[in-house]
Amino acid sequence: MSRAVLVERPGSHRLVEREVPAPGPGEVRVRVAAAGICLSDRELYEGRRAPGYVRYPIVPGHEWSGTVDAVGTGVGPALLGRPCVAEGFRSCGGCERCRYGETSLCTAALGHWDVAHGRWTVEPGAYELQAGASSADVRRTVRVEVAGEAPGPRPVLAAGLAAADYDEQSGTVLVDRAKTSGDAVAPADPGVPGVLLYRACTFGDGVTEIAVTASGAGEVTFFAADGTTLAGVVVGPTDGPYAYATVAAACHVRGVTDLRVELRGRVRPAHVACSG
């Protein structure tokens, strides 16, 4: 039997025992000597890891070392007893670099989580990949051109806005939306306005109403890119930080514009929806 820490869901873990698996064809089994914990492990434990990179329940620890203690069919027995480390890098196998065998230059690794559309994406352009012993000791630099996918406007009318999916912010903090999962946003100091910026929001042919789902007590005001006040709502007080209310106000805006949101007081917005 082997032991592992199992993260069942964000904030919940337990020690479990598992059967030691036998290696399959072309595989080796490694007896782990040490496993590190990095920031990505903390993110998955806290529920902040991008959805495309985590599926609960999960055993964390992708940076580890050990010794090969069993081999499957088709693997030479000379590997038995071989010390090894895990490479925490998975190539896509389909991009141009992978097809040339340069898996360490996989362009899929250039992707980022697009908060505007809720997906992983690779933007077009020139990228510089560096390899070395450290950031101060770069041994090789490769420049690649990636076709990628040009980012489109944020589909506010269709999907609304998750408050935590801002492009920029000042004077705010992420807070728990619920006791188990999710994020909301609040001013870092209730006495100082916090600001959220959502770039390139598309409102289509126009909206007539905006609705804020929030807890706490305070004001939420919306501004267009040119500073025009679009709408404002007063929230609460609600029955605690996890008790949400939806407050609507008239709002007339169309086309594509940046949306700036100002938070005042102890308000904790979680979602914004538009209609009209």
C-alpha atoms as a PDB file:
ATOM      1  CA  MET A   1       0.000   0.000   0.000  1.00  0.00           C
ATOM      2  CA  SER A   2       1.040   3.611  -0.550  1.00  0.00           C
ATOM      3  CA  ARG A   3      -0.122   6.778   1.192  1.00  0.00           C
ATOM      4  CA  ALA A   4      -1.158  10.035  -0.433  1.00  0.00           C
ATOM      5  CA  VAL A   5      -2.785  13.335   0.473  1.00  0.00           C
ATOM      6  CA  LEU A   6      -6.094  13.581  -1.381  1.00  0.00           C
ATOM      7  CA  VAL A   7      -7.686  17.001  -1.928  1.00  0.00           C
ATOM      8  CA  GLU A   8     -11.366  16.133  -2.224  1.00  0.00           C
ATOM      9  CA  ARG A   9     -12.502  19.695  -2.913  1.00  0.00           C
ATOM     10  CA  PRO A  10     -11.107  23.181  -2.217  1.00  0.00           C
ATOM     11  CA  GLY A  11     -10.173  23.432   1.464  1.00  0.00           C
ATOM     12  CA  SER A  12     -10.734  19.740   2.244  1.00  0.00           C
ATOM     13  CA  HIS A  13      -8.038  17.049   2.334  1.00  0.00           C
ATOM     14  CA  ARG A  14      -7.337  13.681   3.959  1.00  0.00           C
ATOM     15  CA  LEU A  15      -4.643  11.011   4.059  1.00  0.00           C
ATOM     16  CA  VAL A  16      -5.566   7.921   2.039  1.00  0.00           C
ATOM     17  CA  GLU A  17      -4.032   4.516   1.376  1.00  0.00           C
ATOM     18  CA  ARG A  18      -3.972   3.098  -2.126  1.00  0.00           C
ATOM     19  CA  GLU A  19      -2.913  -0.077  -3.831  1.00  0.00           C
ATOM     20  CA  VAL A  20       0.494   0.184  -5.464  1.00  0.00           C
ATOM     21  CA  PRO A  21      -0.179  -0.081  -9.228  1.00  0.00           C
ATOM     22  CA  ALA A  22       1.777  -2.333 -11.559  1.00  0.00           C
ATOM     23  CA  PRO A  23       3.413  -0.564 -14.524  1.00  0.00           C
ATOM     24  CA  GLY A  24       1.741  -1.141 -17.870  1.00  0.00           C
ATOM     25  CA  PRO A  25       3.426  -1.758 -21.238  1.00  0.00           C
ATOM     26  CA  GLY A  26       6.072   0.902 -21.920  1.00  0.00           C
ATOM     27  CA  GLU A  27       5.786   2.257 -18.375  1.00  0.00           C
ATOM     28  CA  VAL A  28       7.956   2.332 -15.278  1.00  0.00           C
ATOM     29  CA  ARG A  29       6.941   2.632 -11.641  1.00  0.00           C
ATOM     30  CA  VAL A  30       8.818   5.056  -9.413  1.00  0.00           C
ATOM     31  CA  ARG A  31       9.100   4.828  -5.647  1.00  0.00           C
ATOM     32  CA  VAL A  32       8.847   8.481  -4.630  1.00  0.00           C
ATOM     33  CA  ALA A  33      11.485   9.704  -2.191  1.00  0.00           C
ATOM     34  CA  ALA A  34      10.427  13.345  -1.931  1.00  0.00           C
ATOM     35  CA  ALA A  35       7.681  15.555  -3.312  1.00  0.00           C
ATOM     36  CA  GLY A  36       7.612  19.340  -3.261  1.00  0.00           C
ATOM     37  CA  ILE A  37       4.662  21.678  -2.819  1.00  0.00           C
ATOM     38  CA  CYS A  38       4.550  24.693  -5.114  1.00  0.00           C
ATOM     39  CA  LEU A  39       2.191  27.628  -5.635  1.00  0.00           C
ATOM     40  CA  SER A  40       0.024  25.728  -8.115  1.00  0.00           C
ATOM     41  CA  ASP A  41      -0.652  23.097  -5.418  1.00  0.00           C
ATOM     42  CA  ARG A  42      -1.725  25.858  -3.057  1.00  0.00           C
ATOM     43  CA  GLU A  43      -3.994  27.287  -5.747  1.00  0.00           C
ATOM     44  CA  LEU A  44      -5.777  23.960  -6.300  1.00  0.00           C
ATOM     45  CA  TYR A  45      -6.192  23.505  -2.534  1.00  0.00           C
ATOM     46  CA  GLU A  46      -7.688  26.985  -2.193  1.00  0.00           C
ATOM     47  CA  GLY A  47      -9.870  26.550  -5.285  1.00  0.00           C
ATOM     48  CA  ARG A  48      -8.058  29.254  -7.284  1.00  0.00           C
ATOM     49  CA  ARG A  49      -6.558  27.011  -9.971  1.00  0.00           C
ATOM     50  CA  ALA A  50      -7.966  27.567 -13.462  1.00  0.00           C
ATOM     51  CA  PRO A  51     -10.643  24.933 -14.247  1.00  0.00           C
ATOM     52  CA  GLY A  52      -8.729  23.609 -17.249  1.00  0.00           C
ATOM     53  CA  TYR A  53      -5.911  22.444 -14.962  1.00  0.00           C
ATOM     54  CA  VAL A  54      -7.711  20.736 -12.088  1.00  0.00           C
ATOM     55  CA  ARG A  55     -10.358  18.086 -11.530  1.00  0.00           C
ATOM     56  CA  TYR A  56     -11.297  17.089  -7.992  1.00  0.00           C
ATOM     57  CA  PRO A  57     -10.579  14.857  -6.164  1.00  0.00           C
ATOM     58  CA  ILE A  58      -6.849  15.192  -6.860  1.00  0.00           C
ATOM     59  CA  VAL A  59      -3.502  14.203  -5.333  1.00  0.00           C
ATOM     60  CA  PRO A  60      -1.182  17.254  -5.398  1.00  0.00           C
ATOM     61  CA  GLY A  61       2.579  17.190  -5.821  1.00  0.00           C
ATOM     62  CA  HIS A  62       3.803  17.248  -9.413  1.00  0.00           C
ATOM     63  CA  GLU A  63       7.423  18.020  -8.527  1.00  0.00           C
ATOM     64  CA  TRP A  64       8.997  14.854  -7.155  1.00  0.00           C
ATOM     65  CA  SER A  65      11.982  12.522  -7.310  1.00  0.00           C
ATOM     66  CA  GLY A  66      12.535   8.852  -6.615  1.00  0.00           C
ATOM     67  CA  THR A  67      13.864   5.534  -7.892  1.00  0.00           C
ATOM     68  CA  VAL A  68      12.516   3.193 -10.555  1.00  0.00           C
ATOM     69  CA  ASP A  69      11.405   0.050  -8.713  1.00  0.00           C
ATOM     70  CA  ALA A  70       9.460  -1.804 -11.434  1.00  0.00           C
ATOM     71  CA  VAL A  71       9.198  -1.818 -15.220  1.00  0.00           C
ATOM     72  CA  GLY A  72       6.455  -2.889 -17.608  1.00  0.00           C
ATOM     73  CA  THR A  73       6.710  -4.991 -20.735  1.00  0.00           C
ATOM     74  CA  GLY A  74       8.843  -3.455 -23.443  1.00  0.00           C
ATOM     75  CA  VAL A  75      11.028  -1.538 -20.973  1.00  0.00           C
ATOM     76  CA  GLY A  76      14.633  -2.547 -20.448  1.00  0.00           C
ATOM     77  CA  PRO A  77      15.436  -3.923 -16.960  1.00  0.00           C
ATOM     78  CA  ALA A  78      18.504  -1.680 -16.855  1.00  0.00           C
ATOM     79  CA  LEU A  79      16.213   1.124 -15.671  1.00  0.00           C
ATOM     80  CA  LEU A  80      15.556  -0.688 -12.383  1.00  0.00           C
ATOM     81  CA  GLY A  81      17.166   1.247  -9.545  1.00  0.00           C
ATOM     82  CA  ARG A  82      17.626   4.343 -11.726  1.00  0.00           C
ATOM     83  CA  PRO A  83      17.221   7.642  -9.796  1.00  0.00           C
ATOM     84  CA  CYS A  84      14.880  10.032 -11.573  1.00  0.00           C
ATOM     85  CA  VAL A  85      12.903  13.247 -11.290  1.00  0.00           C
ATOM     86  CA  ALA A  86       9.515  14.159 -12.743  1.00  0.00           C
ATOM     87  CA  GLU A  87       9.273  16.707 -15.520  1.00  0.00           C
ATOM     88  CA  GLY A  88       6.243  18.794 -14.684  1.00  0.00           C
ATOM     89  CA  PHE A  89       5.735  19.781 -18.290  1.00  0.00           C
ATOM     90  CA  ARG A  90       3.208  18.229 -20.635  1.00  0.00           C
ATOM     91  CA  SER A  91       3.447  18.989 -24.331  1.00  0.00           C
ATOM     92  CA  CYS A  92       0.415  18.946 -26.605  1.00  0.00           C
ATOM     93  CA  GLY A  93       1.999  16.701 -29.258  1.00  0.00           C
ATOM     94  CA  GLY A  94       0.224  18.501 -32.085  1.00  0.00           C
ATOM     95  CA  CYS A  95       1.715  21.986 -32.502  1.00  0.00           C
ATOM     96  CA  GLU A  96       4.483  22.709 -35.006  1.00  0.00           C
ATOM     97  CA  ARG A  97       7.263  22.504 -32.394  1.00  0.00           C
ATOM     98  CA  CYS A  98       5.999  19.192 -31.010  1.00  0.00           C
ATOM     99  CA  ARG A  99       5.813  17.731 -34.518  1.00  0.00           C
ATOM    100  CA  TYR A 100       9.482  18.653 -34.978  1.00  0.00           C
ATOM    101  CA  GLY A 101      10.311  16.859 -31.709  1.00  0.00           C
ATOM    102  CA  GLU A 102      10.963  20.068 -29.783  1.00  0.00           C
ATOM    103  CA  THR A 103       8.412  19.290 -27.081  1.00  0.00           C
ATOM    104  CA  SER A 104      10.070  21.637 -24.572  1.00  0.00           C
ATOM    105  CA  LEU A 105       9.118  24.495 -26.923  1.00  0.00           C
ATOM    106  CA  CYS A 106       5.462  23.461 -27.117  1.00  0.00           C
ATOM    107  CA  THR A 107       3.455  26.561 -27.982  1.00  0.00           C
ATOM    108  CA  ALA A 108       0.471  25.295 -25.971  1.00  0.00           C
ATOM    109  CA  ALA A 109       2.511  26.284 -22.913  1.00  0.00           C
ATOM    110  CA  LEU A 110       2.149  29.904 -24.054  1.00  0.00           C
ATOM    111  CA  GLY A 111      -1.552  29.814 -23.273  1.00  0.00           C
ATOM    112  CA  HIS A 112      -3.243  31.714 -20.494  1.00  0.00           C
ATOM    113  CA  TRP A 113      -6.648  31.645 -18.857  1.00  0.00           C
ATOM    114  CA  ASP A 114      -8.868  34.142 -20.674  1.00  0.00           C
ATOM    115  CA  VAL A 115     -11.113  35.541 -17.932  1.00  0.00           C
ATOM    116  CA  ALA A 116     -13.261  37.308 -20.528  1.00  0.00           C
ATOM    117  CA  HIS A 117     -14.350  34.040 -22.167  1.00  0.00           C
ATOM    118  CA  GLY A 118     -13.692  31.407 -19.501  1.00  0.00           C
ATOM    119  CA  ARG A 119     -11.207  29.344 -21.500  1.00  0.00           C
ATOM    120  CA  TRP A 120      -7.536  28.740 -22.226  1.00  0.00           C
ATOM    121  CA  THR A 121      -6.194  30.594 -25.238  1.00  0.00           C
ATOM    122  CA  VAL A 122      -2.952  31.439 -27.036  1.00  0.00           C
ATOM    123  CA  GLU A 123      -2.820  34.940 -28.450  1.00  0.00           C
ATOM    124  CA  PRO A 124      -1.027  35.510 -31.785  1.00  0.00           C
ATOM    125  CA  GLY A 125       2.376  37.148 -31.894  1.00  0.00           C
ATOM    126  CA  ALA A 126       6.075  36.659 -31.253  1.00  0.00           C
ATOM    127  CA  TYR A 127       7.164  34.813 -28.112  1.00  0.00           C
ATOM    128  CA  GLU A 128      10.635  34.406 -26.648  1.00  0.00           C
ATOM    129  CA  LEU A 129      11.414  31.172 -24.801  1.00  0.00           C
ATOM    130  CA  GLN A 130      14.424  31.081 -22.490  1.00  0.00           C
ATOM    131  CA  ALA A 131      16.157  28.121 -20.866  1.00  0.00           C
ATOM    132  CA  GLY A 132      18.921  28.112 -18.292  1.00  0.00           C
ATOM    133  CA  ALA A 133      19.996  27.356 -14.762  1.00  0.00           C
ATOM    134  CA  SER A 134      18.142  30.423 -13.499  1.00  0.00           C
ATOM    135  CA  SER A 135      16.719  33.716 -14.722  1.00  0.00           C
ATOM    136  CA  ALA A 136      20.186  35.185 -14.240  1.00  0.00           C
ATOM    137  CA  ASP A 137      21.878  32.385 -16.184  1.00  0.00           C
ATOM    138  CA  VAL A 138      19.993  31.975 -19.464  1.00  0.00           C
ATOM    139  CA  ARG A 139      21.743  29.445 -21.738  1.00  0.00           C
ATOM    140  CA  ARG A 140      19.444  29.430 -24.739  1.00  0.00           C
ATOM    141  CA  THR A 141      16.847  31.765 -26.222  1.00  0.00           C
ATOM    142  CA  VAL A 142      14.431  30.828 -28.993  1.00  0.00           C
ATOM    143  CA  ARG A 143      11.973  33.189 -30.682  1.00  0.00           C
ATOM    144  CA  VAL A 144       8.801  31.683 -32.111  1.00  0.00           C
ATOM    145  CA  GLU A 145       5.899  33.149 -34.055  1.00  0.00           C
ATOM    146  CA  VAL A 146       2.532  31.782 -33.019  1.00  0.00           C
ATOM    147  CA  ALA A 147      -0.619  32.113 -35.089  1.00  0.00           C
ATOM    148  CA  GLY A 148      -2.880  31.857 -32.058  1.00  0.00           C
ATOM    149  CA  GLU A 149      -6.370  33.281 -31.760  1.00  0.00           C
ATOM    150  CA  ALA A 150      -7.017  37.005 -31.610  1.00  0.00           C
ATOM    151  CA  PRO A 151      -9.008  37.905 -28.489  1.00  0.00           C
ATOM    152  CA  GLY A 152     -12.593  38.999 -29.067  1.00  0.00           C
ATOM    153  CA  PRO A 153     -14.741  41.302 -26.945  1.00  0.00           C
ATOM    154  CA  ARG A 154     -16.143  40.086 -23.640  1.00  0.00           C
ATOM    155  CA  PRO A 155     -19.703  38.691 -24.174  1.00  0.00           C
ATOM    156  CA  VAL A 156     -21.363  40.570 -21.323  1.00  0.00           C
ATOM    157  CA  LEU A 157     -24.867  40.458 -22.765  1.00  0.00           C
ATOM    158  CA  ALA A 158     -24.734  36.707 -23.263  1.00  0.00           C
ATOM    159  CA  ALA A 159     -22.867  35.572 -20.145  1.00  0.00           C
ATOM    160  CA  GLY A 160     -22.823  38.500 -17.725  1.00  0.00           C
ATOM    161  CA  LEU A 161     -19.759  39.273 -15.621  1.00  0.00           C
ATOM    162  CA  ALA A 162     -18.246  37.255 -12.805  1.00  0.00           C
ATOM    163  CA  ALA A 163     -16.987  40.017 -10.536  1.00  0.00           C
ATOM    164  CA  ALA A 164     -13.689  38.204  -9.906  1.00  0.00           C
ATOM    165  CA  ASP A 165     -12.938  37.972 -13.649  1.00  0.00           C
ATOM    166  CA  TYR A 166     -11.701  41.550 -13.972  1.00  0.00           C
ATOM    167  CA  ASP A 167      -8.834  42.630 -16.227  1.00  0.00           C
ATOM    168  CA  GLU A 168      -7.463  45.217 -13.807  1.00  0.00           C
ATOM    169  CA  GLN A 169      -8.257  46.354 -10.277  1.00  0.00           C
ATOM    170  CA  SER A 170      -7.178  48.802  -7.634  1.00  0.00           C
ATOM    171  CA  GLY A 171      -8.086  48.896  -3.964  1.00  0.00           C
ATOM    172  CA  THR A 172      -9.982  45.581  -3.936  1.00  0.00           C
ATOM    173  CA  VAL A 173      -9.509  42.063  -2.559  1.00  0.00           C
ATOM    174  CA  LEU A 174     -10.909  38.676  -3.505  1.00  0.00           C
ATOM    175  CA  VAL A 175     -13.225  37.205  -0.869  1.00  0.00           C
ATOM    176  CA  ASP A 176     -15.103  33.923  -0.557  1.00  0.00           C
ATOM    177  CA  ARG A 177     -18.375  33.864  -2.476  1.00  0.00           C
ATOM    178  CA  ALA A 178     -19.531  30.924  -0.377  1.00  0.00           C
ATOM    179  CA  LYS A 179     -18.057  28.831   2.409  1.00  0.00           C
ATOM    180  CA  THR A 180     -17.170  26.044  -0.015  1.00  0.00           C
ATOM    181  CA  SER A 181     -16.179  27.626  -3.338  1.00  0.00           C
ATOM    182  CA  GLY A 182     -16.234  30.658  -5.598  1.00  0.00           C
ATOM    183  CA  ASP A 183     -14.979  34.237  -5.422  1.00  0.00           C
ATOM    184  CA  ALA A 184     -16.507  37.649  -4.908  1.00  0.00           C
ATOM    185  CA  VAL A 185     -14.794  41.041  -4.697  1.00  0.00           C
ATOM    186  CA  ALA A 186     -14.801  43.685  -1.966  1.00  0.00           C
ATOM    187  CA  PRO A 187     -13.048  47.000  -1.298  1.00  0.00           C
ATOM    188  CA  ALA A 188      -9.802  46.392   0.575  1.00  0.00           C
ATOM    189  CA  ASP A 189     -10.723  49.323   2.830  1.00  0.00           C
ATOM    190  CA  PRO A 190     -14.462  50.009   3.227  1.00  0.00           C
ATOM    191  CA  GLY A 191     -13.651  53.695   3.579  1.00  0.00           C
ATOM    192  CA  VAL A 192     -11.811  53.875   0.241  1.00  0.00           C
ATOM    193  CA  PRO A 193     -13.492  53.107  -3.125  1.00  0.00           C
ATOM    194  CA  GLY A 194     -12.266  50.012  -4.954  1.00  0.00           C
ATOM    195  CA  VAL A 195     -12.193  49.917  -8.749  1.00  0.00           C
ATOM    196  CA  LEU A 196     -12.604  46.996 -11.187  1.00  0.00           C
ATOM    197  CA  LEU A 197     -11.944  47.276 -14.927  1.00  0.00           C
ATOM    198  CA  TYR A 198     -13.396  44.938 -17.546  1.00  0.00           C
ATOM    199  CA  ARG A 199     -11.982  45.647 -21.001  1.00  0.00           C
ATOM    200  CA  ALA A 200     -13.790  45.456 -24.363  1.00  0.00           C
ATOM    201  CA  CYS A 201     -17.239  44.475 -23.114  1.00  0.00           C
ATOM    202  CA  THR A 202     -19.785  43.976 -25.890  1.00  0.00           C
ATOM    203  CA  PHE A 203     -23.381  44.970 -25.200  1.00  0.00           C
ATOM    204  CA  GLY A 204     -24.612  44.149 -28.715  1.00  0.00           C
ATOM    205  CA  ASP A 205     -27.471  46.309 -29.947  1.00  0.00           C
ATOM    206  CA  GLY A 206     -27.934  47.692 -26.459  1.00  0.00           C
ATOM    207  CA  VAL A 207     -29.118  46.903 -22.922  1.00  0.00           C
ATOM    208  CA  THR A 208     -31.650  48.679 -20.736  1.00  0.00           C
ATOM    209  CA  GLU A 209     -30.996  47.113 -17.336  1.00  0.00           C
ATOM    210  CA  ILE A 210     -28.060  45.961 -15.253  1.00  0.00           C
ATOM    211  CA  ALA A 211     -28.411  43.703 -12.202  1.00  0.00           C
ATOM    212  CA  VAL A 212     -25.832  43.146  -9.455  1.00  0.00           C
ATOM    213  CA  THR A 213     -25.779  40.047  -7.253  1.00  0.00           C
ATOM    214  CA  ALA A 214     -23.927  40.984  -4.080  1.00  0.00           C
ATOM    215  CA  SER A 215     -23.815  40.624  -0.314  1.00  0.00           C
ATOM    216  CA  GLY A 216     -22.912  43.066   2.420  1.00  0.00           C
ATOM    217  CA  ALA A 217     -23.805  46.736   2.260  1.00  0.00           C
ATOM    218  CA  GLY A 218     -22.615  49.484  -0.052  1.00  0.00           C
ATOM    219  CA  GLU A 219     -22.780  51.014  -3.496  1.00  0.00           C
ATOM    220  CA  VAL A 220     -21.821  49.705  -6.932  1.00  0.00           C
ATOM    221  CA  THR A 221     -21.485  52.265  -9.747  1.00  0.00           C
ATOM    222  CA  PHE A 222     -20.812  51.575 -13.430  1.00  0.00           C
ATOM    223  CA  PHE A 223     -18.918  53.873 -15.823  1.00  0.00           C
ATOM    224  CA  ALA A 224     -18.200  53.722 -19.566  1.00  0.00           C
ATOM    225  CA  ALA A 225     -14.712  54.125 -21.006  1.00  0.00           C
ATOM    226  CA  ASP A 226     -15.207  57.897 -21.429  1.00  0.00           C
ATOM    227  CA  GLY A 227     -16.207  58.309 -17.771  1.00  0.00           C
ATOM    228  CA  THR A 228     -19.953  58.520 -18.393  1.00  0.00           C
ATOM    229  CA  THR A 229     -21.961  57.167 -15.464  1.00  0.00           C
ATOM    230  CA  LEU A 230     -24.079  54.274 -16.743  1.00  0.00           C
ATOM    231  CA  ALA A 231     -25.848  53.054 -13.609  1.00  0.00           C
ATOM    232  CA  GLY A 232     -25.602  52.672  -9.859  1.00  0.00           C
ATOM    233  CA  VAL A 233     -27.167  50.408  -7.262  1.00  0.00           C
ATOM    234  CA  VAL A 234     -27.315  50.351  -3.466  1.00  0.00           C
ATOM    235  CA  VAL A 235     -26.920  46.915  -1.882  1.00  0.00           C
ATOM    236  CA  GLY A 236     -28.075  45.693   1.520  1.00  0.00           C
ATOM    237  CA  PRO A 237     -27.325  45.296   4.198  1.00  0.00           C
ATOM    238  CA  THR A 238     -27.836  41.560   3.662  1.00  0.00           C
ATOM    239  CA  ASP A 239     -27.967  38.855   6.344  1.00  0.00           C
ATOM    240  CA  GLY A 240     -24.241  38.149   6.389  1.00  0.00           C
ATOM    241  CA  PRO A 241     -21.397  37.823   3.865  1.00  0.00           C
ATOM    242  CA  TYR A 242     -22.853  34.716   2.215  1.00  0.00           C
ATOM    243  CA  ALA A 243     -26.426  36.011   1.925  1.00  0.00           C
ATOM    244  CA  TYR A 244     -26.806  37.521  -1.550  1.00  0.00           C
ATOM    245  CA  ALA A 245     -29.361  39.877  -3.014  1.00  0.00           C
ATOM    246  CA  THR A 246     -29.852  40.945  -6.628  1.00  0.00           C
ATOM    247  CA  VAL A 247     -30.416  44.663  -7.200  1.00  0.00           C
ATOM    248  CA  ALA A 248     -31.230  46.087 -10.663  1.00  0.00           C
ATOM    249  CA  ALA A 249     -31.068  49.562 -12.179  1.00  0.00           C
ATOM    250  CA  ALA A 250     -31.734  51.152 -15.566  1.00  0.00           C
ATOM    251  CA  CYS A 251     -28.669  51.143 -17.798  1.00  0.00           C
ATOM    252  CA  HIS A 252     -28.455  52.204 -21.447  1.00  0.00           C
ATOM    253  CA  VAL A 253     -25.302  51.211 -23.308  1.00  0.00           C
ATOM    254  CA  ARG A 254     -24.566  49.506 -26.631  1.00  0.00           C
ATOM    255  CA  GLY A 255     -21.638  48.331 -28.711  1.00  0.00           C
ATOM    256  CA  VAL A 256     -18.193  47.635 -27.256  1.00  0.00           C
ATOM    257  CA  THR A 257     -16.707  49.632 -24.396  1.00  0.00           C
ATOM    258  CA  ASP A 258     -14.503  49.194 -21.349  1.00  0.00           C
ATOM    259  CA  LEU A 259     -16.574  48.956 -18.175  1.00  0.00           C
ATOM    260  CA  ARG A 260     -15.273  50.480 -14.950  1.00  0.00           C
ATOM    261  CA  VAL A 261     -16.970  49.493 -11.720  1.00  0.00           C
ATOM    262  CA  GLU A 262     -16.571  51.421  -8.482  1.00  0.00           C
ATOM    263  CA  LEU A 263     -17.261  49.722  -5.130  1.00  0.00           C
ATOM    264  CA  ARG A 264     -17.991  51.659  -1.935  1.00  0.00           C
ATOM    265  CA  GLY A 265     -18.559  50.376   1.587  1.00  0.00           C
ATOM    266  CA  ARG A 266     -18.656  46.731   2.650  1.00  0.00           C
ATOM    267  CA  VAL A 267     -20.314  45.477  -0.523  1.00  0.00           C
ATOM    268  CA  ARG A 268     -19.224  42.099  -1.986  1.00  0.00           C
ATOM    269  CA  PRO A 269     -20.400  41.763  -5.628  1.00  0.00           C
ATOM    270  CA  ALA A 270     -20.240  38.288  -7.157  1.00  0.00           C
ATOM    271  CA  HIS A 271     -22.004  38.659 -10.519  1.00  0.00           C
ATOM    272  CA  VAL A 272     -23.382  41.255 -12.921  1.00  0.00           C
ATOM    273  CA  ALA A 273     -26.063  40.546 -15.540  1.00  0.00           C
ATOM    274  CA  CYS A 274     -27.423  42.724 -18.346  1.00  0.00           C
ATOM    275  CA  SER A 275     -30.733  42.602 -20.193  1.00  0.00           C
ATOM    276  CA  GLY A 276     -32.788  44.644 -22.559  1.00  0.00           C
END
